[in-house]
């Protein structure tokens, strides 16, 4: 394989890894900020059918401090251990500046965000190592 092609490939992969790491870091920061400083309110879980009668992500309905009724798609999927059944109540934290930005208390997915940071950083580092080997071998 041509050295130039390897350099371009490694550079593009490194850039993709850095984007993934930055996206994970941003998501982690936002989720932690809303979880810690957001307004906590109870939310009602509502199921709604998606296209062709398929089940789609549940909706969370809550009332903000200024008495606006918000209905947002749940940021976390239901699991066997923690299903989100129609009519259930969950505690959410929302950002007063943007009430559509919510975190379901006790179901934060910090692990997923950390995986994006670690995976993206690892991909970027491996790509840069490949670049260093290819450039040193010239």
N, C-alpha and C. Protein backbone atom coordinates (compact mmCIF):
# COMPACT_ATOMS: atom_id res chain seq x y z
N UNK A 1 0.86 -1.18 0.00
CA UNK A 1 0.00 0.00 0.00
C UNK A 1 0.90 1.23 0.00
N UNK A 2 0.49 2.22 -0.73
CA UNK A 2 1.24 3.46 -0.85
C UNK A 2 1.33 4.18 0.49
N UNK A 3 2.49 4.72 0.79
CA UNK A 3 2.70 5.42 2.06
C UNK A 3 1.75 6.60 2.21
N UNK A 4 1.54 7.33 1.13
CA UNK A 4 0.64 8.48 1.18
C UNK A 4 -0.78 8.08 1.54
N UNK A 5 -1.23 6.94 1.02
CA UNK A 5 -2.58 6.47 1.32
C UNK A 5 -2.69 6.07 2.79
N UNK A 6 -1.65 5.45 3.33
CA UNK A 6 -1.67 5.06 4.75
C UNK A 6 -1.70 6.31 5.63
N UNK A 7 -0.93 7.31 5.27
CA UNK A 7 -0.90 8.55 6.04
C UNK A 7 -2.28 9.22 6.03
N UNK A 8 -2.90 9.28 4.87
CA UNK A 8 -4.23 9.90 4.78
C UNK A 8 -5.24 9.08 5.59
N UNK A 9 -5.20 7.76 5.43
CA UNK A 9 -6.12 6.89 6.17
C UNK A 9 -5.94 7.06 7.67
N UNK A 10 -4.70 7.02 8.15
CA UNK A 10 -4.43 7.16 9.58
C UNK A 10 -4.86 8.54 10.08
N UNK A 11 -4.66 9.56 9.27
CA UNK A 11 -5.08 10.90 9.67
C UNK A 11 -6.58 11.03 9.80
N UNK A 12 -7.31 10.44 8.85
CA UNK A 12 -8.78 10.49 8.90
C UNK A 12 -9.29 9.70 10.10
N UNK A 13 -8.72 8.52 10.36
CA UNK A 13 -9.14 7.71 11.50
C UNK A 13 -8.81 8.43 12.82
N UNK A 14 -7.64 9.07 12.89
CA UNK A 14 -7.28 9.83 14.09
C UNK A 14 -8.27 10.97 14.32
N UNK A 15 -8.64 11.65 13.26
CA UNK A 15 -9.60 12.74 13.37
C UNK A 15 -10.95 12.21 13.87
N UNK A 16 -11.39 11.07 13.32
CA UNK A 16 -12.63 10.45 13.78
C UNK A 16 -12.58 10.08 15.25
N UNK A 17 -11.44 9.55 15.69
CA UNK A 17 -11.27 9.20 17.10
C UNK A 17 -11.34 10.43 18.00
N UNK A 18 -10.74 11.51 17.55
CA UNK A 18 -10.78 12.74 18.34
C UNK A 18 -12.20 13.29 18.42
N UNK A 19 -12.94 13.20 17.32
CA UNK A 19 -14.33 13.67 17.32
C UNK A 19 -15.16 12.83 18.30
N UNK A 20 -14.97 11.50 18.27
CA UNK A 20 -15.70 10.63 19.20
C UNK A 20 -15.36 10.96 20.65
N UNK A 21 -14.08 11.18 20.93
CA UNK A 21 -13.66 11.51 22.29
C UNK A 21 -14.26 12.84 22.74
N UNK A 22 -14.26 13.83 21.86
CA UNK A 22 -14.84 15.13 22.21
C UNK A 22 -16.35 15.03 22.39
N UNK A 23 -17.03 14.24 21.55
CA UNK A 23 -18.47 14.06 21.70
C UNK A 23 -18.79 13.39 23.04
N UNK A 24 -18.02 12.38 23.40
CA UNK A 24 -18.23 11.72 24.68
C UNK A 24 -17.98 12.65 25.85
N UNK A 25 -16.91 13.45 25.76
CA UNK A 25 -16.60 14.39 26.84
C UNK A 25 -17.69 15.44 26.98
N UNK A 26 -18.20 15.92 25.87
CA UNK A 26 -19.28 16.91 25.91
C UNK A 26 -20.55 16.30 26.52
N UNK A 27 -20.91 15.11 26.07
CA UNK A 27 -22.10 14.45 26.60
C UNK A 27 -21.97 14.16 28.08
N UNK A 28 -20.79 13.73 28.51
CA UNK A 28 -20.54 13.46 29.92
C UNK A 28 -20.66 14.74 30.75
N UNK A 29 -20.09 15.81 30.25
CA UNK A 29 -20.13 17.09 30.96
C UNK A 29 -21.57 17.60 31.08
N UNK A 30 -22.32 17.51 29.98
CA UNK A 30 -23.71 17.97 29.99
C UNK A 30 -24.56 17.14 30.95
N UNK A 31 -24.41 15.83 30.89
CA UNK A 31 -25.21 14.95 31.75
C UNK A 31 -24.89 15.18 33.22
N UNK A 32 -23.61 15.34 33.54
CA UNK A 32 -23.23 15.59 34.93
C UNK A 32 -23.75 16.94 35.40
N UNK A 33 -23.66 17.95 34.54
CA UNK A 33 -24.12 19.29 34.91
C UNK A 33 -25.63 19.29 35.19
N UNK A 34 -26.40 18.69 34.29
CA UNK A 34 -27.85 18.66 34.47
C UNK A 34 -28.22 17.81 35.68
N UNK A 35 -27.51 16.71 35.87
CA UNK A 35 -27.79 15.82 37.00
C UNK A 35 -27.52 16.52 38.33
N UNK A 36 -26.45 17.32 38.38
CA UNK A 36 -26.06 17.96 39.64
C UNK A 36 -26.77 19.29 39.88
N UNK A 37 -26.98 20.08 38.84
CA UNK A 37 -27.50 21.44 39.05
C UNK A 37 -28.88 21.67 38.47
N UNK A 38 -29.43 20.67 37.77
CA UNK A 38 -30.75 20.84 37.16
C UNK A 38 -31.86 20.83 38.20
N UNK A 39 -33.04 21.19 37.75
CA UNK A 39 -34.22 21.18 38.60
C UNK A 39 -34.79 19.77 38.60
N UNK A 40 -35.01 19.20 39.79
CA UNK A 40 -35.53 17.84 39.90
C UNK A 40 -37.04 17.88 40.07
N UNK A 41 -37.71 17.11 39.22
CA UNK A 41 -39.16 17.02 39.25
C UNK A 41 -39.58 15.59 38.91
N UNK A 42 -40.77 15.18 39.38
CA UNK A 42 -41.28 13.88 38.96
C UNK A 42 -41.78 13.96 37.52
N UNK A 43 -41.64 12.84 36.80
CA UNK A 43 -42.12 12.78 35.42
C UNK A 43 -42.95 11.53 35.24
N UNK A 44 -43.97 11.64 34.42
CA UNK A 44 -44.85 10.53 34.10
C UNK A 44 -44.34 9.87 32.81
N UNK A 45 -44.21 8.55 32.84
CA UNK A 45 -43.78 7.81 31.66
C UNK A 45 -45.01 7.53 30.80
N UNK A 46 -44.91 7.86 29.52
CA UNK A 46 -46.00 7.63 28.58
C UNK A 46 -45.47 6.86 27.39
N UNK A 47 -46.14 5.79 27.05
CA UNK A 47 -45.79 5.02 25.85
C UNK A 47 -46.58 5.56 24.68
N UNK A 48 -45.98 5.53 23.52
CA UNK A 48 -46.72 5.89 22.32
C UNK A 48 -46.25 5.01 21.18
N UNK A 49 -47.19 4.59 20.35
CA UNK A 49 -46.79 3.73 19.23
C UNK A 49 -46.03 4.53 18.19
N UNK A 50 -45.05 3.90 17.61
CA UNK A 50 -44.27 4.53 16.55
C UNK A 50 -44.89 4.22 15.20
N UNK A 51 -44.08 4.23 14.18
CA UNK A 51 -44.55 3.92 12.83
C UNK A 51 -44.99 2.47 12.76
N UNK A 52 -46.04 2.22 12.05
CA UNK A 52 -46.57 0.87 11.81
C UNK A 52 -46.86 0.12 13.11
N UNK A 53 -47.22 0.83 14.17
CA UNK A 53 -47.59 0.19 15.43
C UNK A 53 -46.42 -0.31 16.26
N UNK A 54 -45.18 -0.05 15.83
CA UNK A 54 -44.02 -0.47 16.60
C UNK A 54 -43.90 0.37 17.87
N UNK A 55 -43.34 -0.24 18.91
CA UNK A 55 -43.09 0.52 20.13
C UNK A 55 -41.91 1.46 19.88
N UNK A 56 -42.05 2.69 20.28
CA UNK A 56 -40.94 3.63 20.18
C UNK A 56 -40.51 4.01 21.59
N UNK A 57 -39.52 4.85 21.67
CA UNK A 57 -39.00 5.26 22.98
C UNK A 57 -40.11 5.92 23.80
N UNK A 58 -40.15 5.65 25.10
CA UNK A 58 -41.19 6.26 25.93
C UNK A 58 -41.01 7.77 26.05
N UNK A 59 -42.10 8.44 26.32
CA UNK A 59 -42.07 9.88 26.55
C UNK A 59 -42.08 10.14 28.05
N UNK A 60 -41.46 11.22 28.45
CA UNK A 60 -41.47 11.66 29.85
C UNK A 60 -42.22 12.99 29.89
N UNK A 61 -43.26 13.05 30.69
CA UNK A 61 -44.06 14.27 30.79
C UNK A 61 -43.86 14.84 32.19
N UNK A 62 -43.50 16.13 32.25
CA UNK A 62 -43.29 16.79 33.54
C UNK A 62 -43.67 18.25 33.43
N UNK A 63 -43.79 18.89 34.59
CA UNK A 63 -44.15 20.31 34.64
C UNK A 63 -42.93 21.08 35.14
N UNK A 64 -42.55 22.13 34.41
CA UNK A 64 -41.39 22.94 34.79
C UNK A 64 -41.77 23.90 35.92
N UNK A 65 -40.76 24.58 36.43
CA UNK A 65 -41.00 25.55 37.51
C UNK A 65 -41.95 26.66 37.10
N UNK A 66 -41.93 27.01 35.79
CA UNK A 66 -42.82 28.08 35.33
C UNK A 66 -44.12 27.52 34.75
N UNK A 67 -44.51 26.33 35.21
CA UNK A 67 -45.79 25.68 34.90
C UNK A 67 -46.00 25.34 33.43
N UNK A 68 -44.92 25.09 32.71
CA UNK A 68 -45.04 24.59 31.34
C UNK A 68 -45.03 23.07 31.39
N UNK A 69 -45.93 22.45 30.65
CA UNK A 69 -45.95 21.00 30.56
C UNK A 69 -45.02 20.60 29.43
N UNK A 70 -44.02 19.80 29.76
CA UNK A 70 -43.03 19.34 28.79
C UNK A 70 -43.23 17.85 28.55
N UNK A 71 -43.01 17.45 27.32
CA UNK A 71 -43.07 16.04 26.96
C UNK A 71 -41.84 15.78 26.09
N UNK A 72 -40.90 15.01 26.61
CA UNK A 72 -39.66 14.73 25.89
C UNK A 72 -39.46 13.22 25.77
N UNK A 73 -38.74 12.83 24.75
CA UNK A 73 -38.39 11.43 24.58
C UNK A 73 -37.37 11.06 25.65
N UNK A 74 -37.55 9.91 26.26
CA UNK A 74 -36.64 9.47 27.32
C UNK A 74 -35.22 9.34 26.78
N UNK A 75 -34.25 9.91 27.49
CA UNK A 75 -32.86 9.80 27.04
C UNK A 75 -32.26 8.42 27.31
N UNK A 76 -32.96 7.59 28.06
CA UNK A 76 -32.49 6.23 28.35
C UNK A 76 -33.56 5.22 27.94
N UNK A 77 -33.14 4.09 27.40
CA UNK A 77 -34.12 3.08 27.02
C UNK A 77 -34.57 2.26 28.22
N UNK A 78 -35.73 1.65 28.14
CA UNK A 78 -36.14 0.76 29.22
C UNK A 78 -35.27 -0.50 29.19
N UNK A 79 -35.03 -1.06 30.36
CA UNK A 79 -34.26 -2.30 30.46
C UNK A 79 -35.09 -3.31 31.24
N UNK A 80 -34.64 -4.56 31.25
CA UNK A 80 -35.36 -5.57 32.03
C UNK A 80 -35.36 -5.22 33.50
N UNK A 81 -34.22 -4.77 33.99
CA UNK A 81 -34.11 -4.43 35.41
C UNK A 81 -34.84 -3.15 35.78
N UNK A 82 -34.91 -2.24 34.84
CA UNK A 82 -35.56 -0.95 35.09
C UNK A 82 -36.46 -0.58 33.91
N UNK A 83 -37.60 -1.25 33.80
CA UNK A 83 -38.49 -0.93 32.68
C UNK A 83 -39.14 0.45 32.87
N UNK A 84 -39.46 1.06 31.80
CA UNK A 84 -40.19 2.33 31.84
C UNK A 84 -41.59 2.02 31.32
N UNK A 85 -42.47 1.64 32.24
CA UNK A 85 -43.82 1.24 31.87
C UNK A 85 -44.74 2.46 31.81
N UNK A 86 -45.72 2.36 30.95
CA UNK A 86 -46.72 3.41 30.82
C UNK A 86 -47.36 3.67 32.19
N UNK A 87 -47.34 4.91 32.63
CA UNK A 87 -47.93 5.28 33.91
C UNK A 87 -46.95 5.33 35.06
N UNK A 88 -45.73 4.82 34.88
CA UNK A 88 -44.72 4.89 35.94
C UNK A 88 -44.30 6.34 36.17
N UNK A 89 -43.80 6.60 37.37
CA UNK A 89 -43.22 7.90 37.68
C UNK A 89 -41.73 7.74 37.90
N UNK A 90 -40.96 8.66 37.34
CA UNK A 90 -39.51 8.68 37.53
C UNK A 90 -39.10 10.09 37.92
N UNK A 91 -37.96 10.21 38.53
CA UNK A 91 -37.43 11.52 38.90
C UNK A 91 -36.46 11.97 37.81
N UNK A 92 -36.68 13.16 37.28
CA UNK A 92 -35.79 13.70 36.25
C UNK A 92 -35.21 15.02 36.72
N UNK A 93 -34.05 15.34 36.19
CA UNK A 93 -33.47 16.66 36.34
C UNK A 93 -33.49 17.30 34.96
N UNK A 94 -33.92 18.56 34.90
CA UNK A 94 -33.92 19.24 33.61
C UNK A 94 -33.16 20.55 33.73
N UNK A 95 -32.66 20.99 32.60
CA UNK A 95 -31.94 22.26 32.52
C UNK A 95 -32.97 23.38 32.38
N UNK A 96 -33.03 24.32 33.33
CA UNK A 96 -34.03 25.40 33.24
C UNK A 96 -33.88 26.24 31.97
N UNK A 97 -32.66 26.34 31.45
CA UNK A 97 -32.44 27.12 30.23
C UNK A 97 -32.99 26.37 29.00
N UNK A 98 -33.00 25.04 29.05
CA UNK A 98 -33.51 24.21 27.97
C UNK A 98 -34.16 22.97 28.57
N UNK A 99 -35.45 23.06 28.91
CA UNK A 99 -36.11 21.94 29.59
C UNK A 99 -36.16 20.64 28.79
N UNK A 100 -35.83 20.68 27.50
CA UNK A 100 -35.77 19.44 26.72
C UNK A 100 -34.54 18.61 27.06
N UNK A 101 -33.58 19.22 27.74
CA UNK A 101 -32.36 18.54 28.14
C UNK A 101 -32.58 17.93 29.52
N UNK A 102 -32.85 16.61 29.57
CA UNK A 102 -33.19 15.95 30.82
C UNK A 102 -32.26 14.78 31.09
N UNK A 103 -32.15 14.46 32.37
CA UNK A 103 -31.42 13.28 32.85
C UNK A 103 -32.37 12.55 33.79
N UNK A 104 -32.55 11.26 33.57
CA UNK A 104 -33.38 10.45 34.46
C UNK A 104 -32.51 10.04 35.64
N UNK A 105 -32.88 10.48 36.83
CA UNK A 105 -32.08 10.21 38.03
C UNK A 105 -32.01 8.71 38.30
N UNK A 106 -30.81 8.23 38.60
CA UNK A 106 -30.59 6.82 38.87
C UNK A 106 -30.38 6.00 37.61
N UNK A 107 -30.54 6.61 36.45
CA UNK A 107 -30.35 5.89 35.19
C UNK A 107 -29.39 6.63 34.27
N UNK A 108 -28.53 7.45 34.85
CA UNK A 108 -27.56 8.17 34.05
C UNK A 108 -26.68 7.16 33.33
N UNK A 109 -26.30 7.50 32.12
CA UNK A 109 -25.46 6.59 31.33
C UNK A 109 -24.06 7.15 31.20
N UNK A 110 -23.44 7.42 32.33
CA UNK A 110 -22.10 7.98 32.31
C UNK A 110 -21.11 6.99 31.70
N UNK A 111 -21.36 5.69 31.88
CA UNK A 111 -20.47 4.66 31.33
C UNK A 111 -20.38 4.73 29.82
N UNK A 112 -21.50 4.97 29.16
CA UNK A 112 -21.51 5.08 27.71
C UNK A 112 -20.69 6.28 27.25
N UNK A 113 -20.84 7.40 27.94
CA UNK A 113 -20.08 8.59 27.58
C UNK A 113 -18.58 8.38 27.81
N UNK A 114 -18.26 7.73 28.92
CA UNK A 114 -16.85 7.44 29.20
C UNK A 114 -16.27 6.48 28.16
N UNK A 115 -17.08 5.55 27.68
CA UNK A 115 -16.63 4.62 26.65
C UNK A 115 -16.32 5.37 25.35
N UNK A 116 -17.14 6.38 25.02
CA UNK A 116 -16.85 7.19 23.84
C UNK A 116 -15.53 7.94 24.01
N UNK A 117 -15.30 8.49 25.18
CA UNK A 117 -14.06 9.22 25.43
C UNK A 117 -12.87 8.27 25.31
N UNK A 118 -12.94 7.14 26.00
CA UNK A 118 -11.82 6.19 26.00
C UNK A 118 -11.61 5.58 24.62
N UNK A 119 -12.69 5.15 23.98
CA UNK A 119 -12.56 4.55 22.66
C UNK A 119 -12.03 5.52 21.62
N UNK A 120 -12.56 6.73 21.64
CA UNK A 120 -12.08 7.75 20.71
C UNK A 120 -10.62 8.09 20.93
N UNK A 121 -10.24 8.23 22.19
CA UNK A 121 -8.84 8.53 22.49
C UNK A 121 -7.93 7.38 22.07
N UNK A 122 -8.36 6.15 22.30
CA UNK A 122 -7.56 4.98 21.92
C UNK A 122 -7.40 4.92 20.40
N UNK A 123 -8.47 5.13 19.67
CA UNK A 123 -8.39 5.12 18.20
C UNK A 123 -7.47 6.22 17.71
N UNK A 124 -7.59 7.40 18.28
CA UNK A 124 -6.73 8.51 17.87
C UNK A 124 -5.26 8.20 18.16
N UNK A 125 -4.98 7.65 19.34
CA UNK A 125 -3.59 7.32 19.69
C UNK A 125 -3.02 6.22 18.80
N UNK A 126 -3.80 5.19 18.52
CA UNK A 126 -3.32 4.12 17.64
C UNK A 126 -3.07 4.64 16.23
N UNK A 127 -3.93 5.52 15.75
CA UNK A 127 -3.74 6.10 14.42
C UNK A 127 -2.49 6.96 14.37
N UNK A 128 -2.26 7.72 15.42
CA UNK A 128 -1.05 8.55 15.46
C UNK A 128 0.21 7.70 15.57
N UNK A 129 0.10 6.58 16.29
CA UNK A 129 1.24 5.66 16.37
C UNK A 129 1.53 5.08 14.98
N UNK A 130 0.49 4.72 14.23
CA UNK A 130 0.67 4.23 12.87
C UNK A 130 1.31 5.29 12.00
N UNK A 131 0.86 6.53 12.15
CA UNK A 131 1.48 7.64 11.42
C UNK A 131 2.96 7.76 11.74
N UNK A 132 3.29 7.67 13.03
CA UNK A 132 4.69 7.80 13.43
C UNK A 132 5.54 6.67 12.83
N UNK A 133 5.00 5.46 12.82
CA UNK A 133 5.75 4.31 12.25
C UNK A 133 5.94 4.49 10.75
N UNK A 134 4.89 4.91 10.06
CA UNK A 134 4.98 5.07 8.61
C UNK A 134 5.95 6.20 8.25
N UNK A 135 5.85 7.30 8.97
CA UNK A 135 6.73 8.45 8.68
C UNK A 135 8.17 8.10 9.02
N UNK A 136 8.40 7.38 10.14
CA UNK A 136 9.77 7.00 10.52
C UNK A 136 10.36 6.01 9.53
N UNK A 137 9.52 5.20 8.89
CA UNK A 137 10.00 4.19 7.94
C UNK A 137 10.30 4.75 6.56
N UNK A 138 10.01 5.99 6.32
CA UNK A 138 10.26 6.62 5.00
C UNK A 138 11.70 6.72 4.70
